[in-house]
Amino acid sequence: MKKITKIFKLLFSRFFFLAQLLILQVLFIWLLLSIFYELFAYLLPWVQVVYAVSILVLFFSIVNRRETPEFKLPWIVLVLGLPVFGALLYFFFAHRKMKKKEHRSLNHTKEQAAPYVGLTDGEREAQDEFLGGYRGVGNYLSRTSHLNGRLDNDVKFYPLGELWWKDLLEELQKAEKFIFMEYFIIDPGVMWTSVHKILKEKAAAGVEVRLMYDDIGCITMLRSGYCRKLRKEGIKAYKFSPFRPAMSGVFNNRDHRKITVIDGKVGFTGGLNLGDEYINENHRLGHWKDTALRIEGSAVNNLTTLFLQSYDIMAKKQTDFEKYYITDHKQFPGGGYIHVFGDGPKPYYQEQIGEGNYINMLGAAKRYAYITTPYLIIDHELTMAIRSAAQRGVDVRIVTPHIPDKKTVFGITRSNYRFLMDAGVRIYEYTPGFVHAKMLVSDDVAAFVGTINLDYRSLTHHYECGATLYKTPCIAEIKKDFDGIFEVSQEITKENFKLGWFTRLKNAVLQLFAPLF
């Protein structure tokens, strides 16, 4: 009965309707081409010449793009193997130009944010002295993300979604001026009901509540008019990049960030969305292992900036940032260093900052580097950084799920194990369920917690965020959490892990096209 209900919901869902419209567009294009060949057959020799030249020009344009080989190769295979279909896909999905309004909005947000996310000469000197040999990691993030790290914040680590949920509700109840929330998924249930109730109450009490959620992330969970319902309740809600039945690369760039900011004083980020499975109220994939951070102090200004940048573009408005920044944040001596940053696709971001951060942290590791990620589908550069760290003698361990949420992606993830193990990397699978946490801890002094998976979607296509920590007290708790993860996980070895030839072939084909989508 449950299966019939699921099928019924799918057939009448917004997702199914939009998918049908996209298929109709593809069929319409194919029909136009067929009619053209029928009516203008006498022009076929000239068409073939133009066609061949066009494919050649397209080939060289792909080769000359400032992109990774992993990005170029599948497009070349598609364009040469299926010229018409490949060219259409490339035209619709491989190019993303920033609109003038978006460009103006970004410039506006950068100008407004500069006084509040910048550093004085004294602050920069103090940071450089504190970071010492780790200074390069911080410098990279400052120069690429245009957001600076901060000293002396209070950072709390949550090893489980249930613990994060409790504190999130408490902080939301304390809000007096504003609440900002930006999430990839809102899934109605126990968790969202509790949050939604507070947001409605706060909005009615005069607190400004802004909410943004990703339309594709919620396409099977929320009705298309859900935003309007929230606005009637006083919540200033927007869908990120609303999905429309038109082929475009824009819809491949999703908002995967998880951000909450309360009165500019307290912020939350990490891997957790607003849904029951994240707090283990739903056990569809066994125990859901996820993590988050609570931040209090000047680093919250970075989260405020990231939220307002996205919100202003979606709302087509220009916010007066000054109203939402705190200039006299409480100091927490001994709080260490935290660098909150954002990442996203080109042309909004010129570097793959999340990947660069992982590479730099692996390069700085001396004794160990432990990583959790739900997916392991990475390019040559990051693969070599992981292998190189292990070959230097660093104890590199990676934990992935044992119970997958996407079987195809799980297959590609597993196909990458052996090459890493050959270099001395130790691979574990989290046997109690699904590990969704995106973390790295190294040498008891450095850590990363955020939204960035080790896959092409997070590293290339999506808008992401996270926090890199150095000598922050909670790093000891992150290390302890990893020790607990290893205890309940199964280590994968060459003896207990084998893939058949057909599985390897299938995964190799899927791996080839993984960078595109």
Protein backbone atom coordinates (compact mmCIF):
# COMPACT_ATOMS: atom_id res chain seq x y z
CA MET A 1 0.00 0.00 0.00
CA LYS A 2 2.87 2.37 0.87
CA LYS A 3 4.47 1.77 -2.54
CA ILE A 4 1.18 2.56 -4.32
CA THR A 5 0.86 5.78 -2.29
CA LYS A 6 4.42 6.79 -3.20
CA ILE A 7 3.80 6.13 -6.90
CA PHE A 8 0.54 8.10 -6.75
CA LYS A 9 2.29 11.06 -5.08
CA LEU A 10 5.08 10.96 -7.67
CA LEU A 11 2.68 10.91 -10.63
CA PHE A 12 0.86 13.98 -9.33
CA SER A 13 3.92 15.80 -8.00
CA ARG A 14 5.37 19.07 -9.27
CA PHE A 15 8.62 17.22 -10.03
CA PHE A 16 6.90 14.73 -12.37
CA PHE A 17 4.99 17.50 -14.14
CA LEU A 18 8.12 19.59 -14.73
CA ALA A 19 10.10 16.53 -15.87
CA GLN A 20 7.43 15.84 -18.49
CA LEU A 21 7.67 19.43 -19.75
CA LEU A 22 11.45 19.12 -20.08
CA ILE A 23 11.08 15.89 -22.06
CA LEU A 24 8.56 17.61 -24.33
CA GLN A 25 11.10 20.38 -24.98
CA VAL A 26 13.72 17.83 -26.05
CA LEU A 27 11.20 16.09 -28.33
CA PHE A 28 10.18 19.44 -29.81
CA ILE A 29 13.79 20.29 -30.68
CA TRP A 30 14.23 16.84 -32.25
CA LEU A 31 11.02 17.37 -34.26
CA LEU A 32 12.22 20.76 -35.55
CA LEU A 33 15.50 19.22 -36.69
CA SER A 34 13.64 16.37 -38.43
CA ILE A 35 11.37 18.83 -40.27
CA PHE A 36 14.38 20.89 -41.30
CA TYR A 37 16.07 17.85 -42.85
CA GLU A 38 12.86 16.94 -44.71
CA LEU A 39 12.20 20.43 -46.13
CA PHE A 40 15.75 21.45 -46.92
CA ALA A 41 17.33 18.18 -48.02
CA TYR A 42 18.87 19.93 -51.06
CA LEU A 43 20.96 22.05 -48.69
CA LEU A 44 22.29 18.99 -46.90
CA PRO A 45 25.88 19.16 -48.31
CA TRP A 46 26.24 22.76 -47.13
CA VAL A 47 24.61 21.95 -43.82
CA GLN A 48 27.11 19.13 -43.31
CA VAL A 49 30.03 21.51 -43.91
CA VAL A 50 28.64 24.10 -41.49
CA TYR A 51 27.87 21.32 -39.03
CA ALA A 52 31.42 19.92 -39.18
CA VAL A 53 32.99 23.37 -38.76
CA SER A 54 30.65 24.16 -35.85
CA ILE A 55 31.55 20.94 -34.05
CA LEU A 56 35.25 21.66 -34.60
CA VAL A 57 34.89 25.19 -33.22
CA LEU A 58 32.94 23.85 -30.26
CA PHE A 59 35.63 21.22 -29.64
CA PHE A 60 38.39 23.84 -29.47
CA SER A 61 36.28 26.15 -27.31
CA ILE A 62 35.91 23.33 -24.77
CA VAL A 63 39.63 22.49 -24.89
CA ASN A 64 40.60 26.14 -24.33
CA ARG A 65 38.29 26.73 -21.37
CA ARG A 66 39.96 27.42 -18.04
CA GLU A 67 38.54 24.30 -16.48
CA THR A 68 39.82 21.02 -15.10
CA PRO A 69 40.42 18.07 -17.46
CA GLU A 70 37.62 16.24 -15.62
CA PHE A 71 35.20 18.95 -16.73
CA LYS A 72 36.42 19.05 -20.35
CA LEU A 73 36.69 15.33 -21.13
CA PRO A 74 33.00 14.33 -20.76
CA TRP A 75 31.89 17.33 -22.82
CA ILE A 76 34.35 16.40 -25.57
CA VAL A 77 33.07 12.79 -25.53
CA LEU A 78 29.45 13.99 -25.71
CA VAL A 79 30.05 16.55 -28.47
CA LEU A 80 32.06 14.16 -30.64
CA GLY A 81 30.02 11.04 -29.89
CA LEU A 82 26.52 12.57 -30.03
CA PRO A 83 27.13 15.86 -31.83
CA VAL A 84 23.63 17.36 -31.95
CA PHE A 85 22.54 16.17 -28.52
CA GLY A 86 25.96 16.94 -27.00
CA ALA A 87 26.07 20.44 -28.50
CA LEU A 88 22.57 21.22 -27.20
CA LEU A 89 23.47 20.01 -23.72
CA TYR A 90 26.69 22.03 -23.78
CA PHE A 91 24.85 25.15 -24.91
CA PHE A 92 22.21 24.87 -22.19
CA PHE A 93 24.24 23.54 -19.25
CA ALA A 94 27.94 24.42 -19.62
CA HIS A 95 27.63 28.21 -19.82
CA ARG A 96 26.52 30.46 -17.03
CA LYS A 97 26.68 34.22 -17.43
CA MET A 98 25.97 36.63 -14.65
CA LYS A 99 23.07 38.98 -15.32
CA LYS A 100 23.69 42.71 -14.96
CA LYS A 101 21.27 42.92 -12.04
CA GLU A 102 23.05 40.04 -10.30
CA HIS A 103 26.42 41.70 -10.90
CA ARG A 104 25.18 44.97 -9.43
CA SER A 105 23.68 43.15 -6.46
CA LEU A 106 26.95 41.31 -5.74
CA ASN A 107 28.98 44.49 -5.97
CA HIS A 108 26.50 46.20 -3.68
CA THR A 109 26.78 43.46 -1.06
CA LYS A 110 30.59 43.43 -1.20
CA GLU A 111 30.75 47.19 -0.71
CA GLN A 112 28.30 47.12 2.19
CA ALA A 113 29.94 44.13 3.86
CA ALA A 114 33.55 45.37 3.59
CA PRO A 115 33.61 47.49 6.80
CA TYR A 116 32.19 44.61 8.86
CA VAL A 117 34.11 41.60 7.53
CA GLY A 118 37.48 43.33 7.05
CA LEU A 119 40.40 43.35 9.47
CA THR A 120 42.39 46.21 10.96
CA ASP A 121 46.18 46.06 10.67
CA GLY A 122 46.35 45.13 14.34
CA GLU A 123 43.84 42.31 13.94
CA ARG A 124 45.69 40.94 10.92
CA GLU A 125 49.04 40.98 12.75
CA ALA A 126 47.50 39.20 15.74
CA GLN A 127 46.01 36.56 13.43
CA ASP A 128 49.27 35.99 11.56
CA GLU A 129 51.11 35.53 14.84
CA PHE A 130 48.47 33.14 16.16
CA LEU A 131 48.30 31.03 13.00
CA GLY A 132 52.06 30.74 12.54
CA GLY A 133 52.74 27.97 10.03
CA TYR A 134 49.00 27.60 9.38
CA ARG A 135 48.77 31.16 8.09
CA GLY A 136 48.70 30.04 4.44
CA VAL A 137 45.40 28.19 4.94
CA GLY A 138 43.79 31.36 6.31
CA ASN A 139 45.33 33.60 3.65
CA TYR A 140 43.92 31.41 0.88
CA LEU A 141 40.40 31.61 2.29
CA SER A 142 40.61 35.39 2.79
CA ARG A 143 41.82 36.08 -0.74
CA THR A 144 39.42 33.74 -2.53
CA SER A 145 36.22 34.14 -0.49
CA HIS A 146 36.71 37.83 0.43
CA LEU A 147 35.75 36.97 4.01
CA ASN A 148 38.28 37.01 6.85
CA GLY A 149 38.91 34.66 9.72
CA ARG A 150 38.36 35.76 13.31
CA LEU A 151 39.96 35.17 16.70
CA ASP A 152 38.25 34.68 20.06
CA ASN A 153 34.78 33.43 19.11
CA ASP A 154 32.80 30.86 21.06
CA VAL A 155 32.34 27.76 18.90
CA LYS A 156 30.25 24.78 19.99
CA PHE A 157 30.37 21.46 18.13
CA TYR A 158 27.33 19.20 17.77
CA PRO A 159 28.07 15.52 17.04
CA LEU A 160 24.37 14.78 16.45
CA GLY A 161 21.44 16.57 14.85
CA GLU A 162 19.28 15.98 17.92
CA LEU A 163 21.60 18.10 20.07
CA TRP A 164 21.78 20.85 17.45
CA TRP A 165 17.98 20.93 17.12
CA LYS A 166 17.51 21.53 20.86
CA ASP A 167 19.89 24.51 20.91
CA LEU A 168 18.55 25.87 17.61
CA LEU A 169 15.03 26.08 19.06
CA GLU A 170 16.33 27.76 22.23
CA GLU A 171 18.23 30.40 20.27
CA LEU A 172 15.29 31.06 17.93
CA GLN A 173 13.11 31.69 20.98
CA LYS A 174 15.59 34.35 22.16
CA ALA A 175 15.43 36.36 18.90
CA GLU A 176 14.57 40.04 19.43
CA LYS A 177 15.43 41.75 16.12
CA PHE A 178 15.81 39.32 13.23
CA ILE A 179 16.17 35.70 12.16
CA PHE A 180 17.85 34.62 8.91
CA MET A 181 17.58 30.99 7.76
CA GLU A 182 18.92 29.48 4.52
CA TYR A 183 18.59 25.74 3.89
CA PHE A 184 18.78 23.28 1.02
CA ILE A 185 15.89 21.18 2.30
CA ILE A 186 12.75 21.86 4.31
CA ASP A 187 10.88 18.60 4.83
CA PRO A 188 7.59 18.91 6.76
CA GLY A 189 7.58 16.85 9.95
CA VAL A 190 8.40 17.07 13.64
CA MET A 191 11.53 19.14 13.14
CA TRP A 192 10.16 21.70 10.69
CA THR A 193 6.89 22.01 12.63
CA SER A 194 8.80 23.04 15.76
CA VAL A 195 10.90 25.60 13.87
CA HIS A 196 7.98 26.91 11.82
CA LYS A 197 5.92 27.50 14.98
CA ILE A 198 8.61 29.75 16.46
CA LEU A 199 9.14 31.62 13.18
CA LYS A 200 5.41 32.42 12.96
CA GLU A 201 5.31 33.57 16.58
CA LYS A 202 8.38 35.75 16.18
CA ALA A 203 7.11 37.30 12.95
CA ALA A 204 3.80 38.11 14.66
CA ALA A 205 5.74 39.72 17.53
CA GLY A 206 7.56 42.08 15.17
CA VAL A 207 10.82 40.17 14.71
CA GLU A 208 11.99 40.29 11.09
CA VAL A 209 12.11 36.71 9.79
CA ARG A 210 13.76 35.93 6.48
CA LEU A 211 13.80 32.40 5.09
CA MET A 212 15.27 30.96 1.91
CA TYR A 213 15.13 27.37 0.72
CA ASP A 214 16.27 25.63 -2.44
CA ASP A 215 13.41 24.91 -4.83
CA ILE A 216 14.93 21.73 -6.29
CA GLY A 217 15.96 20.50 -2.84
CA CYS A 218 12.32 20.80 -1.73
CA ILE A 219 10.58 19.99 -5.02
CA THR A 220 9.09 16.69 -3.79
CA MET A 221 8.43 18.00 -0.27
CA LEU A 222 6.82 21.43 -0.55
CA ARG A 223 4.02 22.70 -2.76
CA SER A 224 4.93 25.33 -5.33
CA GLY A 225 2.87 27.91 -3.44
CA TYR A 226 4.43 27.23 -0.04
CA CYS A 227 6.40 30.50 -0.20
CA ARG A 228 3.18 32.48 -0.52
CA LYS A 229 1.77 30.69 2.53
CA LEU A 230 4.84 31.65 4.57
CA ARG A 231 4.64 35.27 3.45
CA LYS A 232 1.03 35.47 4.60
CA GLU A 233 2.33 34.44 8.02
CA GLY A 234 4.75 37.38 8.03
CA ILE A 235 7.81 35.33 7.07
CA LYS A 236 9.82 36.91 4.23
CA ALA A 237 10.36 33.67 2.32
CA TYR A 238 11.96 33.08 -1.07
CA LYS A 239 12.79 30.01 -3.13
CA PHE A 240 16.36 29.87 -4.34
CA SER A 241 16.47 29.68 -8.15
CA PRO A 242 12.84 28.56 -8.66
CA PHE A 243 12.73 25.65 -11.07
CA ARG A 244 11.07 26.27 -14.41
CA PRO A 245 10.56 23.74 -17.22
CA ALA A 246 13.29 25.18 -19.43
CA MET A 247 16.69 23.66 -20.11
CA SER A 248 19.31 25.79 -18.41
CA GLY A 249 22.54 25.32 -16.50
CA VAL A 250 21.24 27.74 -13.88
CA PHE A 251 19.13 24.97 -12.38
CA ASN A 252 22.21 22.79 -11.92
CA ASN A 253 23.59 25.32 -9.41
CA ARG A 254 21.69 24.71 -6.19
CA ASP A 255 21.87 26.40 -2.79
CA HIS A 256 23.30 23.66 -0.59
CA ARG A 257 24.12 26.03 2.30
CA LYS A 258 22.77 25.63 5.83
CA ILE A 259 22.78 28.93 7.71
CA THR A 260 20.92 30.38 10.66
CA VAL A 261 21.69 33.85 12.06
CA ILE A 262 19.90 35.26 15.11
CA ASP A 263 20.17 38.99 15.86
CA GLY A 264 23.64 38.99 14.29
CA LYS A 265 25.01 37.54 17.55
CA VAL A 266 24.63 33.78 17.14
CA GLY A 267 24.92 31.64 14.02
CA PHE A 268 24.64 27.97 13.06
CA THR A 269 26.08 26.06 10.12
CA GLY A 270 26.96 22.46 9.28
CA GLY A 271 25.49 19.53 7.41
CA LEU A 272 21.97 19.58 8.85
CA ASN A 273 18.81 20.47 6.92
CA LEU A 274 15.35 21.11 8.36
CA GLY A 275 13.96 17.58 8.20
CA ASP A 276 13.20 14.65 10.50
CA GLU A 277 15.89 12.28 9.24
CA TYR A 278 18.58 14.78 10.29
CA ILE A 279 17.50 14.47 13.93
CA ASN A 280 16.79 10.71 13.75
CA GLU A 281 13.01 11.07 13.92
CA ASN A 282 13.03 9.18 10.62
CA HIS A 283 15.21 6.05 10.32
CA ARG A 284 14.92 5.44 6.58
CA LEU A 285 18.70 4.94 6.25
CA GLY A 286 19.45 3.71 9.75
CA HIS A 287 21.17 6.10 12.15
CA TRP A 288 21.75 9.51 10.55
CA LYS A 289 25.18 10.83 11.50
CA ASP A 290 25.50 14.58 11.02
CA THR A 291 27.29 17.51 12.65
CA ALA A 292 26.99 21.27 13.08
CA LEU A 293 28.52 24.32 14.75
CA ARG A 294 27.08 27.08 16.89
CA ILE A 295 29.09 30.30 16.57
CA GLU A 296 28.93 33.35 18.82
CA GLY A 297 31.14 36.36 18.13
CA SER A 298 32.48 38.40 15.24
CA ALA A 299 32.58 35.42 12.82
CA VAL A 300 28.76 35.56 12.70
CA ASN A 301 29.12 38.63 10.45
CA ASN A 302 30.43 36.28 7.74
CA LEU A 303 27.28 34.14 7.94
CA THR A 304 25.16 37.30 7.79
CA THR A 305 27.03 38.38 4.65
CA LEU A 306 26.58 35.02 2.91
CA PHE A 307 22.87 34.99 3.66
CA LEU A 308 22.22 38.56 2.50
CA GLN A 309 24.19 38.07 -0.73
CA SER A 310 21.94 35.18 -1.79
CA TYR A 311 18.76 36.68 -0.39
CA ASP A 312 19.15 40.01 -2.19
CA ILE A 313 19.66 38.28 -5.56
CA MET A 314 16.57 36.10 -5.09
CA ALA A 315 14.42 38.91 -3.66
CA LYS A 316 15.71 41.39 -6.27
CA LYS A 317 16.26 43.92 -3.49
CA GLN A 318 19.18 45.78 -1.95
CA THR A 319 19.29 45.38 1.81
CA ASP A 320 20.80 47.99 4.09
CA PHE A 321 23.44 45.70 5.61
CA GLU A 322 24.34 48.07 8.44
CA LYS A 323 21.11 47.17 10.27
CA TYR A 324 22.16 43.54 10.60
CA TYR A 325 25.83 43.71 11.58
CA ILE A 326 27.22 43.79 15.09
CA THR A 327 30.33 45.94 15.54
CA ASP A 328 30.93 45.25 19.25
CA HIS A 329 30.75 41.47 19.40
CA LYS A 330 31.48 39.80 22.69
CA GLN A 331 35.06 38.50 22.88
CA PHE A 332 35.91 34.99 24.08
CA PRO A 333 39.64 34.93 24.97
CA GLY A 334 41.19 31.57 24.17
CA GLY A 335 38.49 30.84 21.59
CA GLY A 336 41.03 30.19 18.85
CA TYR A 337 40.57 30.94 15.15
CA ILE A 338 37.51 30.38 12.97
CA HIS A 339 37.20 31.19 9.28
CA VAL A 340 33.62 31.09 7.97
CA PHE A 341 33.56 31.15 4.16
CA GLY A 342 31.29 30.56 1.20
CA ASP A 343 31.83 28.80 -2.10
CA GLY A 344 29.87 28.50 -5.32
CA PRO A 345 29.92 28.04 -9.09
CA LYS A 346 31.45 30.27 -11.71
CA PRO A 347 31.07 33.13 -12.54
CA TYR A 348 30.09 34.09 -8.98
CA TYR A 349 33.21 32.43 -7.54
CA GLN A 350 36.42 32.25 -9.54
CA GLU A 351 38.02 29.48 -7.47
CA GLN A 352 36.81 26.14 -6.15
CA ILE A 353 37.35 27.35 -2.60
CA GLY A 354 36.02 24.30 -0.79
CA GLU A 355 38.35 21.99 -2.69
CA GLY A 356 41.26 24.38 -2.22
CA ASN A 357 40.62 24.42 1.52
CA TYR A 358 40.66 20.60 1.71
CA ILE A 359 43.88 20.48 -0.31
CA ASN A 360 45.57 23.10 1.87
CA MET A 361 44.53 21.40 5.10
CA LEU A 362 45.80 18.05 3.82
CA GLY A 363 49.06 19.73 2.80
CA ALA A 364 49.48 21.21 6.29
CA ALA A 365 48.79 17.90 8.07
CA LYS A 366 51.78 16.25 9.74
CA ARG A 367 50.43 13.37 11.85
CA TYR A 368 46.86 12.61 10.81
CA ALA A 369 43.91 13.85 8.75
CA TYR A 370 40.48 12.27 9.25
CA ILE A 371 37.57 12.99 6.88
CA THR A 372 33.86 12.16 6.76
CA THR A 373 31.84 12.60 3.58
CA PRO A 374 28.61 11.03 2.29
CA TYR A 375 30.06 10.84 -1.24
CA LEU A 376 33.58 10.38 -2.59
CA ILE A 377 33.67 11.48 -6.23
CA ILE A 378 36.67 13.75 -6.62
CA ASP A 379 38.95 15.13 -9.31
CA HIS A 380 42.60 14.32 -9.95
CA GLU A 381 43.95 17.27 -7.95
CA LEU A 382 42.14 16.40 -4.73
CA THR A 383 42.82 12.69 -5.22
CA MET A 384 46.54 13.44 -5.47
CA ALA A 385 46.42 15.67 -2.38
CA ILE A 386 44.88 12.82 -0.37
CA ARG A 387 47.33 10.24 -1.74
CA SER A 388 50.28 12.59 -1.26
CA ALA A 389 49.41 13.17 2.39
CA ALA A 390 49.25 9.42 3.00
CA GLN A 391 52.52 8.85 1.15
CA ARG A 392 54.21 11.49 3.35
CA GLY A 393 53.36 9.32 6.33
CA VAL A 394 50.21 11.14 7.43
CA ASP A 395 47.52 8.82 8.82
CA VAL A 396 44.72 9.63 6.35
CA ARG A 397 41.32 8.08 6.99
CA ILE A 398 38.06 8.65 5.12
CA VAL A 399 34.63 7.58 6.38
CA THR A 400 31.72 7.11 3.96
CA PRO A 401 28.24 5.59 4.49
CA HIS A 402 27.61 1.86 4.58
CA ILE A 403 23.90 2.39 3.86
CA PRO A 404 23.61 4.62 0.76
CA ASP A 405 20.94 7.17 -0.09
CA LYS A 406 21.77 7.00 -3.82
CA LYS A 407 22.93 3.59 -5.07
CA THR A 408 24.49 4.91 -8.28
CA VAL A 409 26.54 7.53 -6.42
CA PHE A 410 27.46 4.89 -3.82
CA GLY A 411 28.83 2.70 -6.61
CA ILE A 412 31.05 5.50 -7.93
CA THR A 413 32.18 6.29 -4.37
CA ARG A 414 33.25 2.69 -3.83
CA SER A 415 35.05 2.57 -7.17
CA ASN A 416 37.47 5.22 -5.85
CA TYR A 417 38.52 3.24 -2.77
CA ARG A 418 41.26 1.07 -4.23
CA PHE A 419 43.36 3.84 -5.81
CA LEU A 420 43.39 5.69 -2.49
CA MET A 421 44.10 2.53 -0.48
CA ASP A 422 47.05 1.76 -2.76
CA ALA A 423 48.66 4.96 -1.42
CA GLY A 424 48.03 4.03 2.21
CA VAL A 425 44.70 5.82 2.77
CA ARG A 426 42.44 3.95 5.20
CA ILE A 427 38.77 3.75 4.17
CA TYR A 428 35.88 3.13 6.58
CA GLU A 429 32.15 2.68 6.07
CA TYR A 430 29.76 3.87 8.78
CA THR A 431 27.80 0.69 9.50
CA PRO A 432 25.01 2.05 11.78
CA GLY A 433 23.52 4.00 8.88
CA PHE A 434 24.20 7.08 6.78
CA VAL A 435 27.02 9.52 7.52
CA HIS A 436 26.02 12.92 6.13
CA ALA A 437 28.63 14.92 8.08
CA LYS A 438 31.23 16.87 6.11
CA MET A 439 34.23 17.14 8.41
CA LEU A 440 38.00 17.10 8.53
CA VAL A 441 40.17 17.08 11.65
CA SER A 442 43.95 17.18 11.67
CA ASP A 443 46.78 16.95 14.23
CA ASP A 444 44.52 18.00 17.16
CA VAL A 445 44.84 21.65 16.03
CA ALA A 446 42.78 22.10 12.84
CA ALA A 447 39.30 21.13 11.67
CA PHE A 448 36.63 21.87 9.10
CA VAL A 449 32.85 21.51 9.51
CA GLY A 450 30.44 22.59 6.80
CA THR A 451 28.15 21.70 3.92
CA ILE A 452 30.79 20.66 1.36
CA ASN A 453 30.66 17.02 0.25
CA LEU A 454 33.62 15.47 -1.53
CA ASP A 455 31.82 15.25 -4.85
CA TYR A 456 31.58 17.34 -8.01
CA ARG A 457 28.20 18.79 -7.12
CA SER A 458 29.49 20.37 -3.91
CA LEU A 459 32.99 21.18 -5.13
CA THR A 460 31.93 22.68 -8.48
CA HIS A 461 28.21 23.26 -8.99
CA HIS A 462 26.58 24.16 -5.67
CA TYR A 463 26.61 27.15 -3.34
CA GLU A 464 28.23 25.96 -0.13
CA CYS A 465 29.60 27.22 3.18
CA GLY A 466 31.62 26.04 6.12
CA ALA A 467 34.08 26.93 8.85
CA THR A 468 37.77 26.12 9.14
CA LEU A 469 39.02 26.04 12.74
CA TYR A 470 42.50 26.34 14.22
CA LYS A 471 43.32 25.79 17.90
CA THR A 472 39.64 26.17 18.73
CA PRO A 473 38.73 24.32 21.97
CA CYS A 474 35.95 22.31 20.29
CA ILE A 475 38.50 20.59 18.02
CA ALA A 476 39.13 18.12 20.86
CA GLU A 477 35.43 17.19 20.72
CA ILE A 478 35.58 16.77 16.94
CA LYS A 479 38.56 14.42 17.32
CA LYS A 480 36.67 12.48 20.01
CA ASP A 481 33.68 12.22 17.67
CA PHE A 482 35.91 10.70 14.97
CA ASP A 483 37.25 8.15 17.46
CA GLY A 484 33.65 7.11 18.16
CA ILE A 485 32.89 6.90 14.44
CA PHE A 486 35.85 4.56 13.82
CA GLU A 487 34.67 2.26 16.63
CA VAL A 488 31.33 1.58 14.92
CA SER A 489 32.58 1.62 11.32
CA GLN A 490 33.92 -1.19 9.18
CA GLU A 491 37.39 -0.71 7.74
CA ILE A 492 37.56 -1.55 4.05
CA THR A 493 40.60 -3.58 3.02
CA LYS A 494 41.76 -5.09 -0.25
CA GLU A 495 40.90 -8.50 1.17
CA ASN A 496 37.28 -7.72 2.10
CA PHE A 497 36.50 -5.41 -0.81
CA LYS A 498 36.19 -6.62 -4.38
CA LEU A 499 34.19 -5.31 -7.36
CA GLY A 500 33.19 -7.40 -10.38
CA TRP A 501 34.32 -6.41 -13.88
CA PHE A 502 30.83 -5.27 -14.92
CA THR A 503 30.47 -3.08 -11.82
CA ARG A 504 33.89 -1.54 -12.46
CA LEU A 505 32.98 -0.84 -16.10
CA LYS A 506 29.62 0.70 -15.16
CA ASN A 507 31.21 2.88 -12.48
CA ALA A 508 33.95 4.00 -14.87
CA VAL A 509 31.34 5.27 -17.35
CA LEU A 510 29.39 7.01 -14.59
CA GLN A 511 32.59 8.53 -13.20
CA LEU A 512 33.38 9.99 -16.63
CA PHE A 513 30.17 12.03 -16.72
CA ALA A 514 29.96 12.81 -12.98
CA PRO A 515 31.61 16.28 -13.35
CA LEU A 516 28.77 17.51 -15.60
CA PHE A 517 25.91 17.14 -13.17
